Amino acid sequence: SEGAVGGYWGLFDADRQDKGILEG
């Protein structure tokens, strides 16, 4: 419903892996 951008606001990815948003 929101295009690609809608699926990528997470601090962790959909596999629950750390995206490095909060630290490091």
PDBML (XML) file of the C-alpha atoms, coordinates in Angstrom:
<?xml version="1.0" encoding="UTF-8" ?>
<PDBx:datablock datablockName="MODEL"
   xmlns:PDBx="http://pdbml.pdb.org/schema/pdbx-v50.xsd"
   xmlns:xsi="http://www.w3.org/2001/XMLSchema-instance"
   xsi:schemaLocation="http://pdbml.pdb.org/schema/pdbx-v50.xsd pdbx-v50.xsd">
   <PDBx:atom_siteCategory>
      <PDBx:atom_site id="1">
         <PDBx:B_iso_or_equiv>0.00</PDBx:B_iso_or_equiv>
         <PDBx:Cartn_x>0.000</PDBx:Cartn_x>
         <PDBx:Cartn_y>0.000</PDBx:Cartn_y>
         <PDBx:Cartn_z>0.000</PDBx:Cartn_z>
         <PDBx:auth_asym_id>A</PDBx:auth_asym_id>
         <PDBx:auth_atom_id>CA</PDBx:auth_atom_id>
         <PDBx:auth_comp_id>SER</PDBx:auth_comp_id>
         <PDBx:auth_seq_id>1</PDBx:auth_seq_id>
         <PDBx:group_PDB>ATOM</PDBx:group_PDB>
         <PDBx:label_alt_id xsi:nil="true" />
         <PDBx:label_asym_id>A</PDBx:label_asym_id>
         <PDBx:label_atom_id>CA</PDBx:label_atom_id>
         <PDBx:label_comp_id>SER</PDBx:label_comp_id>
         <PDBx:label_entity_id>1</PDBx:label_entity_id>
         <PDBx:label_seq_id>1</PDBx:label_seq_id>
         <PDBx:occupancy>1.00</PDBx:occupancy>
         <PDBx:pdbx_PDB_model_num>1</PDBx:pdbx_PDB_model_num>
         <PDBx:type_symbol>C</PDBx:type_symbol>
      </PDBx:atom_site>
      <PDBx:atom_site id="2">
         <PDBx:B_iso_or_equiv>0.00</PDBx:B_iso_or_equiv>
         <PDBx:Cartn_x>2.935</PDBx:Cartn_x>
         <PDBx:Cartn_y>2.384</PDBx:Cartn_y>
         <PDBx:Cartn_z>0.541</PDBx:Cartn_z>
         <PDBx:auth_asym_id>A</PDBx:auth_asym_id>
         <PDBx:auth_atom_id>CA</PDBx:auth_atom_id>
         <PDBx:auth_comp_id>GLU</PDBx:auth_comp_id>
         <PDBx:auth_seq_id>2</PDBx:auth_seq_id>
         <PDBx:group_PDB>ATOM</PDBx:group_PDB>
         <PDBx:label_alt_id xsi:nil="true" />
         <PDBx:label_asym_id>A</PDBx:label_asym_id>
         <PDBx:label_atom_id>CA</PDBx:label_atom_id>
         <PDBx:label_comp_id>GLU</PDBx:label_comp_id>
         <PDBx:label_entity_id>1</PDBx:label_entity_id>
         <PDBx:label_seq_id>2</PDBx:label_seq_id>
         <PDBx:occupancy>1.00</PDBx:occupancy>
         <PDBx:pdbx_PDB_model_num>1</PDBx:pdbx_PDB_model_num>
         <PDBx:type_symbol>C</PDBx:type_symbol>
      </PDBx:atom_site>
      <PDBx:atom_site id="3">
         <PDBx:B_iso_or_equiv>0.00</PDBx:B_iso_or_equiv>
         <PDBx:Cartn_x>5.513</PDBx:Cartn_x>
         <PDBx:Cartn_y>1.233</PDBx:Cartn_y>
         <PDBx:Cartn_z>-1.987</PDBx:Cartn_z>
         <PDBx:auth_asym_id>A</PDBx:auth_asym_id>
         <PDBx:auth_atom_id>CA</PDBx:auth_atom_id>
         <PDBx:auth_comp_id>GLY</PDBx:auth_comp_id>
         <PDBx:auth_seq_id>3</PDBx:auth_seq_id>
         <PDBx:group_PDB>ATOM</PDBx:group_PDB>
         <PDBx:label_alt_id xsi:nil="true" />
         <PDBx:label_asym_id>A</PDBx:label_asym_id>
         <PDBx:label_atom_id>CA</PDBx:label_atom_id>
         <PDBx:label_comp_id>GLY</PDBx:label_comp_id>
         <PDBx:label_entity_id>1</PDBx:label_entity_id>
         <PDBx:label_seq_id>3</PDBx:label_seq_id>
         <PDBx:occupancy>1.00</PDBx:occupancy>
         <PDBx:pdbx_PDB_model_num>1</PDBx:pdbx_PDB_model_num>
         <PDBx:type_symbol>C</PDBx:type_symbol>
      </PDBx:atom_site>
      <PDBx:atom_site id="4">
         <PDBx:B_iso_or_equiv>0.00</PDBx:B_iso_or_equiv>
         <PDBx:Cartn_x>8.958</PDBx:Cartn_x>
         <PDBx:Cartn_y>-0.021</PDBx:Cartn_y>
         <PDBx:Cartn_z>-1.044</PDBx:Cartn_z>
         <PDBx:auth_asym_id>A</PDBx:auth_asym_id>
         <PDBx:auth_atom_id>CA</PDBx:auth_atom_id>
         <PDBx:auth_comp_id>ALA</PDBx:auth_comp_id>
         <PDBx:auth_seq_id>4</PDBx:auth_seq_id>
         <PDBx:group_PDB>ATOM</PDBx:group_PDB>
         <PDBx:label_alt_id xsi:nil="true" />
         <PDBx:label_asym_id>A</PDBx:label_asym_id>
         <PDBx:label_atom_id>CA</PDBx:label_atom_id>
         <PDBx:label_comp_id>ALA</PDBx:label_comp_id>
         <PDBx:label_entity_id>1</PDBx:label_entity_id>
         <PDBx:label_seq_id>4</PDBx:label_seq_id>
         <PDBx:occupancy>1.00</PDBx:occupancy>
         <PDBx:pdbx_PDB_model_num>1</PDBx:pdbx_PDB_model_num>
         <PDBx:type_symbol>C</PDBx:type_symbol>
      </PDBx:atom_site>
      <PDBx:atom_site id="5">
         <PDBx:B_iso_or_equiv>0.00</PDBx:B_iso_or_equiv>
         <PDBx:Cartn_x>9.489</PDBx:Cartn_x>
         <PDBx:Cartn_y>2.665</PDBx:Cartn_y>
         <PDBx:Cartn_z>1.582</PDBx:Cartn_z>
         <PDBx:auth_asym_id>A</PDBx:auth_asym_id>
         <PDBx:auth_atom_id>CA</PDBx:auth_atom_id>
         <PDBx:auth_comp_id>VAL</PDBx:auth_comp_id>
         <PDBx:auth_seq_id>5</PDBx:auth_seq_id>
         <PDBx:group_PDB>ATOM</PDBx:group_PDB>
         <PDBx:label_alt_id xsi:nil="true" />
         <PDBx:label_asym_id>A</PDBx:label_asym_id>
         <PDBx:label_atom_id>CA</PDBx:label_atom_id>
         <PDBx:label_comp_id>VAL</PDBx:label_comp_id>
         <PDBx:label_entity_id>1</PDBx:label_entity_id>
         <PDBx:label_seq_id>5</PDBx:label_seq_id>
         <PDBx:occupancy>1.00</PDBx:occupancy>
         <PDBx:pdbx_PDB_model_num>1</PDBx:pdbx_PDB_model_num>
         <PDBx:type_symbol>C</PDBx:type_symbol>
      </PDBx:atom_site>
      <PDBx:atom_site id="6">
         <PDBx:B_iso_or_equiv>0.00</PDBx:B_iso_or_equiv>
         <PDBx:Cartn_x>6.539</PDBx:Cartn_x>
         <PDBx:Cartn_y>1.433</PDBx:Cartn_y>
         <PDBx:Cartn_z>3.650</PDBx:Cartn_z>
         <PDBx:auth_asym_id>A</PDBx:auth_asym_id>
         <PDBx:auth_atom_id>CA</PDBx:auth_atom_id>
         <PDBx:auth_comp_id>GLY</PDBx:auth_comp_id>
         <PDBx:auth_seq_id>6</PDBx:auth_seq_id>
         <PDBx:group_PDB>ATOM</PDBx:group_PDB>
         <PDBx:label_alt_id xsi:nil="true" />
         <PDBx:label_asym_id>A</PDBx:label_asym_id>
         <PDBx:label_atom_id>CA</PDBx:label_atom_id>
         <PDBx:label_comp_id>GLY</PDBx:label_comp_id>
         <PDBx:label_entity_id>1</PDBx:label_entity_id>
         <PDBx:label_seq_id>6</PDBx:label_seq_id>
         <PDBx:occupancy>1.00</PDBx:occupancy>
         <PDBx:pdbx_PDB_model_num>1</PDBx:pdbx_PDB_model_num>
         <PDBx:type_symbol>C</PDBx:type_symbol>
      </PDBx:atom_site>
      <PDBx:atom_site id="7">
         <PDBx:B_iso_or_equiv>0.00</PDBx:B_iso_or_equiv>
         <PDBx:Cartn_x>8.281</PDBx:Cartn_x>
         <PDBx:Cartn_y>-1.807</PDBx:Cartn_y>
         <PDBx:Cartn_z>4.523</PDBx:Cartn_z>
         <PDBx:auth_asym_id>A</PDBx:auth_asym_id>
         <PDBx:auth_atom_id>CA</PDBx:auth_atom_id>
         <PDBx:auth_comp_id>GLY</PDBx:auth_comp_id>
         <PDBx:auth_seq_id>7</PDBx:auth_seq_id>
         <PDBx:group_PDB>ATOM</PDBx:group_PDB>
         <PDBx:label_alt_id xsi:nil="true" />
         <PDBx:label_asym_id>A</PDBx:label_asym_id>
         <PDBx:label_atom_id>CA</PDBx:label_atom_id>
         <PDBx:label_comp_id>GLY</PDBx:label_comp_id>
         <PDBx:label_entity_id>1</PDBx:label_entity_id>
         <PDBx:label_seq_id>7</PDBx:label_seq_id>
         <PDBx:occupancy>1.00</PDBx:occupancy>
         <PDBx:pdbx_PDB_model_num>1</PDBx:pdbx_PDB_model_num>
         <PDBx:type_symbol>C</PDBx:type_symbol>
      </PDBx:atom_site>
      <PDBx:atom_site id="8">
         <PDBx:B_iso_or_equiv>0.00</PDBx:B_iso_or_equiv>
         <PDBx:Cartn_x>11.496</PDBx:Cartn_x>
         <PDBx:Cartn_y>-0.318</PDBx:Cartn_y>
         <PDBx:Cartn_z>5.891</PDBx:Cartn_z>
         <PDBx:auth_asym_id>A</PDBx:auth_asym_id>
         <PDBx:auth_atom_id>CA</PDBx:auth_atom_id>
         <PDBx:auth_comp_id>TYR</PDBx:auth_comp_id>
         <PDBx:auth_seq_id>8</PDBx:auth_seq_id>
         <PDBx:group_PDB>ATOM</PDBx:group_PDB>
         <PDBx:label_alt_id xsi:nil="true" />
         <PDBx:label_asym_id>A</PDBx:label_asym_id>
         <PDBx:label_atom_id>CA</PDBx:label_atom_id>
         <PDBx:label_comp_id>TYR</PDBx:label_comp_id>
         <PDBx:label_entity_id>1</PDBx:label_entity_id>
         <PDBx:label_seq_id>8</PDBx:label_seq_id>
         <PDBx:occupancy>1.00</PDBx:occupancy>
         <PDBx:pdbx_PDB_model_num>1</PDBx:pdbx_PDB_model_num>
         <PDBx:type_symbol>C</PDBx:type_symbol>
      </PDBx:atom_site>
      <PDBx:atom_site id="9">
         <PDBx:B_iso_or_equiv>0.00</PDBx:B_iso_or_equiv>
         <PDBx:Cartn_x>10.854</PDBx:Cartn_x>
         <PDBx:Cartn_y>1.842</PDBx:Cartn_y>
         <PDBx:Cartn_z>8.948</PDBx:Cartn_z>
         <PDBx:auth_asym_id>A</PDBx:auth_asym_id>
         <PDBx:auth_atom_id>CA</PDBx:auth_atom_id>
         <PDBx:auth_comp_id>TRP</PDBx:auth_comp_id>
         <PDBx:auth_seq_id>9</PDBx:auth_seq_id>
         <PDBx:group_PDB>ATOM</PDBx:group_PDB>
         <PDBx:label_alt_id xsi:nil="true" />
         <PDBx:label_asym_id>A</PDBx:label_asym_id>
         <PDBx:label_atom_id>CA</PDBx:label_atom_id>
         <PDBx:label_comp_id>TRP</PDBx:label_comp_id>
         <PDBx:label_entity_id>1</PDBx:label_entity_id>
         <PDBx:label_seq_id>9</PDBx:label_seq_id>
         <PDBx:occupancy>1.00</PDBx:occupancy>
         <PDBx:pdbx_PDB_model_num>1</PDBx:pdbx_PDB_model_num>
         <PDBx:type_symbol>C</PDBx:type_symbol>
      </PDBx:atom_site>
      <PDBx:atom_site id="10">
         <PDBx:B_iso_or_equiv>0.00</PDBx:B_iso_or_equiv>
         <PDBx:Cartn_x>12.029</PDBx:Cartn_x>
         <PDBx:Cartn_y>-0.776</PDBx:Cartn_y>
         <PDBx:Cartn_z>11.422</PDBx:Cartn_z>
         <PDBx:auth_asym_id>A</PDBx:auth_asym_id>
         <PDBx:auth_atom_id>CA</PDBx:auth_atom_id>
         <PDBx:auth_comp_id>GLY</PDBx:auth_comp_id>
         <PDBx:auth_seq_id>10</PDBx:auth_seq_id>
         <PDBx:group_PDB>ATOM</PDBx:group_PDB>
         <PDBx:label_alt_id xsi:nil="true" />
         <PDBx:label_asym_id>A</PDBx:label_asym_id>
         <PDBx:label_atom_id>CA</PDBx:label_atom_id>
         <PDBx:label_comp_id>GLY</PDBx:label_comp_id>
         <PDBx:label_entity_id>1</PDBx:label_entity_id>
         <PDBx:label_seq_id>10</PDBx:label_seq_id>
         <PDBx:occupancy>1.00</PDBx:occupancy>
         <PDBx:pdbx_PDB_model_num>1</PDBx:pdbx_PDB_model_num>
         <PDBx:type_symbol>C</PDBx:type_symbol>
      </PDBx:atom_site>
      <PDBx:atom_site id="11">
         <PDBx:B_iso_or_equiv>0.00</PDBx:B_iso_or_equiv>
         <PDBx:Cartn_x>14.890</PDBx:Cartn_x>
         <PDBx:Cartn_y>-0.542</PDBx:Cartn_y>
         <PDBx:Cartn_z>13.877</PDBx:Cartn_z>
         <PDBx:auth_asym_id>A</PDBx:auth_asym_id>
         <PDBx:auth_atom_id>CA</PDBx:auth_atom_id>
         <PDBx:auth_comp_id>LEU</PDBx:auth_comp_id>
         <PDBx:auth_seq_id>11</PDBx:auth_seq_id>
         <PDBx:group_PDB>ATOM</PDBx:group_PDB>
         <PDBx:label_alt_id xsi:nil="true" />
         <PDBx:label_asym_id>A</PDBx:label_asym_id>
         <PDBx:label_atom_id>CA</PDBx:label_atom_id>
         <PDBx:label_comp_id>LEU</PDBx:label_comp_id>
         <PDBx:label_entity_id>1</PDBx:label_entity_id>
         <PDBx:label_seq_id>11</PDBx:label_seq_id>
         <PDBx:occupancy>1.00</PDBx:occupancy>
         <PDBx:pdbx_PDB_model_num>1</PDBx:pdbx_PDB_model_num>
         <PDBx:type_symbol>C</PDBx:type_symbol>
      </PDBx:atom_site>
      <PDBx:atom_site id="12">
         <PDBx:B_iso_or_equiv>0.00</PDBx:B_iso_or_equiv>
         <PDBx:Cartn_x>15.351</PDBx:Cartn_x>
         <PDBx:Cartn_y>-4.263</PDBx:Cartn_y>
         <PDBx:Cartn_z>13.183</PDBx:Cartn_z>
         <PDBx:auth_asym_id>A</PDBx:auth_asym_id>
         <PDBx:auth_atom_id>CA</PDBx:auth_atom_id>
         <PDBx:auth_comp_id>PHE</PDBx:auth_comp_id>
         <PDBx:auth_seq_id>12</PDBx:auth_seq_id>
         <PDBx:group_PDB>ATOM</PDBx:group_PDB>
         <PDBx:label_alt_id xsi:nil="true" />
         <PDBx:label_asym_id>A</PDBx:label_asym_id>
         <PDBx:label_atom_id>CA</PDBx:label_atom_id>
         <PDBx:label_comp_id>PHE</PDBx:label_comp_id>
         <PDBx:label_entity_id>1</PDBx:label_entity_id>
         <PDBx:label_seq_id>12</PDBx:label_seq_id>
         <PDBx:occupancy>1.00</PDBx:occupancy>
         <PDBx:pdbx_PDB_model_num>1</PDBx:pdbx_PDB_model_num>
         <PDBx:type_symbol>C</PDBx:type_symbol>
      </PDBx:atom_site>
      <PDBx:atom_site id="13">
         <PDBx:B_iso_or_equiv>0.00</PDBx:B_iso_or_equiv>
         <PDBx:Cartn_x>14.691</PDBx:Cartn_x>
         <PDBx:Cartn_y>-5.941</PDBx:Cartn_y>
         <PDBx:Cartn_z>9.846</PDBx:Cartn_z>
         <PDBx:auth_asym_id>A</PDBx:auth_asym_id>
         <PDBx:auth_atom_id>CA</PDBx:auth_atom_id>
         <PDBx:auth_comp_id>ASP</PDBx:auth_comp_id>
         <PDBx:auth_seq_id>13</PDBx:auth_seq_id>
         <PDBx:group_PDB>ATOM</PDBx:group_PDB>
         <PDBx:label_alt_id xsi:nil="true" />
         <PDBx:label_asym_id>A</PDBx:label_asym_id>
         <PDBx:label_atom_id>CA</PDBx:label_atom_id>
         <PDBx:label_comp_id>ASP</PDBx:label_comp_id>
         <PDBx:label_entity_id>1</PDBx:label_entity_id>
         <PDBx:label_seq_id>13</PDBx:label_seq_id>
         <PDBx:occupancy>1.00</PDBx:occupancy>
         <PDBx:pdbx_PDB_model_num>1</PDBx:pdbx_PDB_model_num>
         <PDBx:type_symbol>C</PDBx:type_symbol>
      </PDBx:atom_site>
      <PDBx:atom_site id="14">
         <PDBx:B_iso_or_equiv>0.00</PDBx:B_iso_or_equiv>
         <PDBx:Cartn_x>11.852</PDBx:Cartn_x>
         <PDBx:Cartn_y>-8.377</PDBx:Cartn_y>
         <PDBx:Cartn_z>9.154</PDBx:Cartn_z>
         <PDBx:auth_asym_id>A</PDBx:auth_asym_id>
         <PDBx:auth_atom_id>CA</PDBx:auth_atom_id>
         <PDBx:auth_comp_id>ALA</PDBx:auth_comp_id>
         <PDBx:auth_seq_id>14</PDBx:auth_seq_id>
         <PDBx:group_PDB>ATOM</PDBx:group_PDB>
         <PDBx:label_alt_id xsi:nil="true" />
         <PDBx:label_asym_id>A</PDBx:label_asym_id>
         <PDBx:label_atom_id>CA</PDBx:label_atom_id>
         <PDBx:label_comp_id>ALA</PDBx:label_comp_id>
         <PDBx:label_entity_id>1</PDBx:label_entity_id>
         <PDBx:label_seq_id>14</PDBx:label_seq_id>
         <PDBx:occupancy>1.00</PDBx:occupancy>
         <PDBx:pdbx_PDB_model_num>1</PDBx:pdbx_PDB_model_num>
         <PDBx:type_symbol>C</PDBx:type_symbol>
      </PDBx:atom_site>
      <PDBx:atom_site id="15">
         <PDBx:B_iso_or_equiv>0.00</PDBx:B_iso_or_equiv>
         <PDBx:Cartn_x>14.111</PDBx:Cartn_x>
         <PDBx:Cartn_y>-11.288</PDBx:Cartn_y>
         <PDBx:Cartn_z>10.171</PDBx:Cartn_z>
         <PDBx:auth_asym_id>A</PDBx:auth_asym_id>
         <PDBx:auth_atom_id>CA</PDBx:auth_atom_id>
         <PDBx:auth_comp_id>ASP</PDBx:auth_comp_id>
         <PDBx:auth_seq_id>15</PDBx:auth_seq_id>
         <PDBx:group_PDB>ATOM</PDBx:group_PDB>
         <PDBx:label_alt_id xsi:nil="true" />
         <PDBx:label_asym_id>A</PDBx:label_asym_id>
         <PDBx:label_atom_id>CA</PDBx:label_atom_id>
         <PDBx:label_comp_id>ASP</PDBx:label_comp_id>
         <PDBx:label_entity_id>1</PDBx:label_entity_id>
         <PDBx:label_seq_id>15</PDBx:label_seq_id>
         <PDBx:occupancy>1.00</PDBx:occupancy>
         <PDBx:pdbx_PDB_model_num>1</PDBx:pdbx_PDB_model_num>
         <PDBx:type_symbol>C</PDBx:type_symbol>
      </PDBx:atom_site>
      <PDBx:atom_site id="16">
         <PDBx:B_iso_or_equiv>0.00</PDBx:B_iso_or_equiv>
         <PDBx:Cartn_x>14.653</PDBx:Cartn_x>
         <PDBx:Cartn_y>-9.543</PDBx:Cartn_y>
         <PDBx:Cartn_z>13.529</PDBx:Cartn_z>
         <PDBx:auth_asym_id>A</PDBx:auth_asym_id>
         <PDBx:auth_atom_id>CA</PDBx:auth_atom_id>
         <PDBx:auth_comp_id>ARG</PDBx:auth_comp_id>
         <PDBx:auth_seq_id>16</PDBx:auth_seq_id>
         <PDBx:group_PDB>ATOM</PDBx:group_PDB>
         <PDBx:label_alt_id xsi:nil="true" />
         <PDBx:label_asym_id>A</PDBx:label_asym_id>
         <PDBx:label_atom_id>CA</PDBx:label_atom_id>
         <PDBx:label_comp_id>ARG</PDBx:label_comp_id>
         <PDBx:label_entity_id>1</PDBx:label_entity_id>
         <PDBx:label_seq_id>16</PDBx:label_seq_id>
         <PDBx:occupancy>1.00</PDBx:occupancy>
         <PDBx:pdbx_PDB_model_num>1</PDBx:pdbx_PDB_model_num>
         <PDBx:type_symbol>C</PDBx:type_symbol>
      </PDBx:atom_site>
      <PDBx:atom_site id="17">
         <PDBx:B_iso_or_equiv>0.00</PDBx:B_iso_or_equiv>
         <PDBx:Cartn_x>18.281</PDBx:Cartn_x>
         <PDBx:Cartn_y>-8.795</PDBx:Cartn_y>
         <PDBx:Cartn_z>12.675</PDBx:Cartn_z>
         <PDBx:auth_asym_id>A</PDBx:auth_asym_id>
         <PDBx:auth_atom_id>CA</PDBx:auth_atom_id>
         <PDBx:auth_comp_id>GLN</PDBx:auth_comp_id>
         <PDBx:auth_seq_id>17</PDBx:auth_seq_id>
         <PDBx:group_PDB>ATOM</PDBx:group_PDB>
         <PDBx:label_alt_id xsi:nil="true" />
         <PDBx:label_asym_id>A</PDBx:label_asym_id>
         <PDBx:label_atom_id>CA</PDBx:label_atom_id>
         <PDBx:label_comp_id>GLN</PDBx:label_comp_id>
         <PDBx:label_entity_id>1</PDBx:label_entity_id>
         <PDBx:label_seq_id>17</PDBx:label_seq_id>
         <PDBx:occupancy>1.00</PDBx:occupancy>
         <PDBx:pdbx_PDB_model_num>1</PDBx:pdbx_PDB_model_num>
         <PDBx:type_symbol>C</PDBx:type_symbol>
      </PDBx:atom_site>
      <PDBx:atom_site id="18">
         <PDBx:B_iso_or_equiv>0.00</PDBx:B_iso_or_equiv>
         <PDBx:Cartn_x>19.825</PDBx:Cartn_x>
         <PDBx:Cartn_y>-5.589</PDBx:Cartn_y>
         <PDBx:Cartn_z>13.989</PDBx:Cartn_z>
         <PDBx:auth_asym_id>A</PDBx:auth_asym_id>
         <PDBx:auth_atom_id>CA</PDBx:auth_atom_id>
         <PDBx:auth_comp_id>ASP</PDBx:auth_comp_id>
         <PDBx:auth_seq_id>18</PDBx:auth_seq_id>
         <PDBx:group_PDB>ATOM</PDBx:group_PDB>
         <PDBx:label_alt_id xsi:nil="true" />
         <PDBx:label_asym_id>A</PDBx:label_asym_id>
         <PDBx:label_atom_id>CA</PDBx:label_atom_id>
         <PDBx:label_comp_id>ASP</PDBx:label_comp_id>
         <PDBx:label_entity_id>1</PDBx:label_entity_id>
         <PDBx:label_seq_id>18</PDBx:label_seq_id>
         <PDBx:occupancy>1.00</PDBx:occupancy>
         <PDBx:pdbx_PDB_model_num>1</PDBx:pdbx_PDB_model_num>
         <PDBx:type_symbol>C</PDBx:type_symbol>
      </PDBx:atom_site>
      <PDBx:atom_site id="19">
         <PDBx:B_iso_or_equiv>0.00</PDBx:B_iso_or_equiv>
         <PDBx:Cartn_x>20.088</PDBx:Cartn_x>
         <PDBx:Cartn_y>-2.896</PDBx:Cartn_y>
         <PDBx:Cartn_z>11.289</PDBx:Cartn_z>
         <PDBx:auth_asym_id>A</PDBx:auth_asym_id>
         <PDBx:auth_atom_id>CA</PDBx:auth_atom_id>
         <PDBx:auth_comp_id>LYS</PDBx:auth_comp_id>
         <PDBx:auth_seq_id>19</PDBx:auth_seq_id>
         <PDBx:group_PDB>ATOM</PDBx:group_PDB>
         <PDBx:label_alt_id xsi:nil="true" />
         <PDBx:label_asym_id>A</PDBx:label_asym_id>
         <PDBx:label_atom_id>CA</PDBx:label_atom_id>
         <PDBx:label_comp_id>LYS</PDBx:label_comp_id>
         <PDBx:label_entity_id>1</PDBx:label_entity_id>
         <PDBx:label_seq_id>19</PDBx:label_seq_id>
         <PDBx:occupancy>1.00</PDBx:occupancy>
         <PDBx:pdbx_PDB_model_num>1</PDBx:pdbx_PDB_model_num>
         <PDBx:type_symbol>C</PDBx:type_symbol>
      </PDBx:atom_site>
      <PDBx:atom_site id="20">
         <PDBx:B_iso_or_equiv>0.00</PDBx:B_iso_or_equiv>
         <PDBx:Cartn_x>22.581</PDBx:Cartn_x>
         <PDBx:Cartn_y>-0.897</PDBx:Cartn_y>
         <PDBx:Cartn_z>13.342</PDBx:Cartn_z>
         <PDBx:auth_asym_id>A</PDBx:auth_asym_id>
         <PDBx:auth_atom_id>CA</PDBx:auth_atom_id>
         <PDBx:auth_comp_id>GLY</PDBx:auth_comp_id>
         <PDBx:auth_seq_id>20</PDBx:auth_seq_id>
         <PDBx:group_PDB>ATOM</PDBx:group_PDB>
         <PDBx:label_alt_id xsi:nil="true" />
         <PDBx:label_asym_id>A</PDBx:label_asym_id>
         <PDBx:label_atom_id>CA</PDBx:label_atom_id>
         <PDBx:label_comp_id>GLY</PDBx:label_comp_id>
         <PDBx:label_entity_id>1</PDBx:label_entity_id>
         <PDBx:label_seq_id>20</PDBx:label_seq_id>
         <PDBx:occupancy>1.00</PDBx:occupancy>
         <PDBx:pdbx_PDB_model_num>1</PDBx:pdbx_PDB_model_num>
         <PDBx:type_symbol>C</PDBx:type_symbol>
      </PDBx:atom_site>
      <PDBx:atom_site id="21">
         <PDBx:B_iso_or_equiv>0.00</PDBx:B_iso_or_equiv>
         <PDBx:Cartn_x>20.119</PDBx:Cartn_x>
         <PDBx:Cartn_y>1.957</PDBx:Cartn_y>
         <PDBx:Cartn_z>13.850</PDBx:Cartn_z>
         <PDBx:auth_asym_id>A</PDBx:auth_asym_id>
         <PDBx:auth_atom_id>CA</PDBx:auth_atom_id>
         <PDBx:auth_comp_id>ILE</PDBx:auth_comp_id>
         <PDBx:auth_seq_id>21</PDBx:auth_seq_id>
         <PDBx:group_PDB>ATOM</PDBx:group_PDB>
         <PDBx:label_alt_id xsi:nil="true" />
         <PDBx:label_asym_id>A</PDBx:label_asym_id>
         <PDBx:label_atom_id>CA</PDBx:label_atom_id>
         <PDBx:label_comp_id>ILE</PDBx:label_comp_id>
         <PDBx:label_entity_id>1</PDBx:label_entity_id>
         <PDBx:label_seq_id>21</PDBx:label_seq_id>
         <PDBx:occupancy>1.00</PDBx:occupancy>
         <PDBx:pdbx_PDB_model_num>1</PDBx:pdbx_PDB_model_num>
         <PDBx:type_symbol>C</PDBx:type_symbol>
      </PDBx:atom_site>
      <PDBx:atom_site id="22">
         <PDBx:B_iso_or_equiv>0.00</PDBx:B_iso_or_equiv>
         <PDBx:Cartn_x>20.507</PDBx:Cartn_x>
         <PDBx:Cartn_y>2.380</PDBx:Cartn_y>
         <PDBx:Cartn_z>17.613</PDBx:Cartn_z>
         <PDBx:auth_asym_id>A</PDBx:auth_asym_id>
         <PDBx:auth_atom_id>CA</PDBx:auth_atom_id>
         <PDBx:auth_comp_id>LEU</PDBx:auth_comp_id>
         <PDBx:auth_seq_id>22</PDBx:auth_seq_id>
         <PDBx:group_PDB>ATOM</PDBx:group_PDB>
         <PDBx:label_alt_id xsi:nil="true" />
         <PDBx:label_asym_id>A</PDBx:label_asym_id>
         <PDBx:label_atom_id>CA</PDBx:label_atom_id>
         <PDBx:label_comp_id>LEU</PDBx:label_comp_id>
         <PDBx:label_entity_id>1</PDBx:label_entity_id>
         <PDBx:label_seq_id>22</PDBx:label_seq_id>
         <PDBx:occupancy>1.00</PDBx:occupancy>
         <PDBx:pdbx_PDB_model_num>1</PDBx:pdbx_PDB_model_num>
         <PDBx:type_symbol>C</PDBx:type_symbol>
      </PDBx:atom_site>
      <PDBx:atom_site id="23">
         <PDBx:B_iso_or_equiv>0.00</PDBx:B_iso_or_equiv>
         <PDBx:Cartn_x>24.141</PDBx:Cartn_x>
         <PDBx:Cartn_y>1.647</PDBx:Cartn_y>
         <PDBx:Cartn_z>18.307</PDBx:Cartn_z>
         <PDBx:auth_asym_id>A</PDBx:auth_asym_id>
         <PDBx:auth_atom_id>CA</PDBx:auth_atom_id>
         <PDBx:auth_comp_id>GLU</PDBx:auth_comp_id>
         <PDBx:auth_seq_id>23</PDBx:auth_seq_id>
         <PDBx:group_PDB>ATOM</PDBx:group_PDB>
         <PDBx:label_alt_id xsi:nil="true" />
         <PDBx:label_asym_id>A</PDBx:label_asym_id>
         <PDBx:label_atom_id>CA</PDBx:label_atom_id>
         <PDBx:label_comp_id>GLU</PDBx:label_comp_id>
         <PDBx:label_entity_id>1</PDBx:label_entity_id>
         <PDBx:label_seq_id>23</PDBx:label_seq_id>
         <PDBx:occupancy>1.00</PDBx:occupancy>
         <PDBx:pdbx_PDB_model_num>1</PDBx:pdbx_PDB_model_num>
         <PDBx:type_symbol>C</PDBx:type_symbol>
      </PDBx:atom_site>
      <PDBx:atom_site id="24">
         <PDBx:B_iso_or_equiv>0.00</PDBx:B_iso_or_equiv>
         <PDBx:Cartn_x>27.443</PDBx:Cartn_x>
         <PDBx:Cartn_y>0.784</PDBx:Cartn_y>
         <PDBx:Cartn_z>16.674</PDBx:Cartn_z>
         <PDBx:auth_asym_id>A</PDBx:auth_asym_id>
         <PDBx:auth_atom_id>CA</PDBx:auth_atom_id>
         <PDBx:auth_comp_id>GLY</PDBx:auth_comp_id>
         <PDBx:auth_seq_id>24</PDBx:auth_seq_id>
         <PDBx:group_PDB>ATOM</PDBx:group_PDB>
         <PDBx:label_alt_id xsi:nil="true" />
         <PDBx:label_asym_id>A</PDBx:label_asym_id>
         <PDBx:label_atom_id>CA</PDBx:label_atom_id>
         <PDBx:label_comp_id>GLY</PDBx:label_comp_id>
         <PDBx:label_entity_id>1</PDBx:label_entity_id>
         <PDBx:label_seq_id>24</PDBx:label_seq_id>
         <PDBx:occupancy>1.00</PDBx:occupancy>
         <PDBx:pdbx_PDB_model_num>1</PDBx:pdbx_PDB_model_num>
         <PDBx:type_symbol>C</PDBx:type_symbol>
      </PDBx:atom_site>
   </PDBx:atom_siteCategory>
</PDBx:datablock>
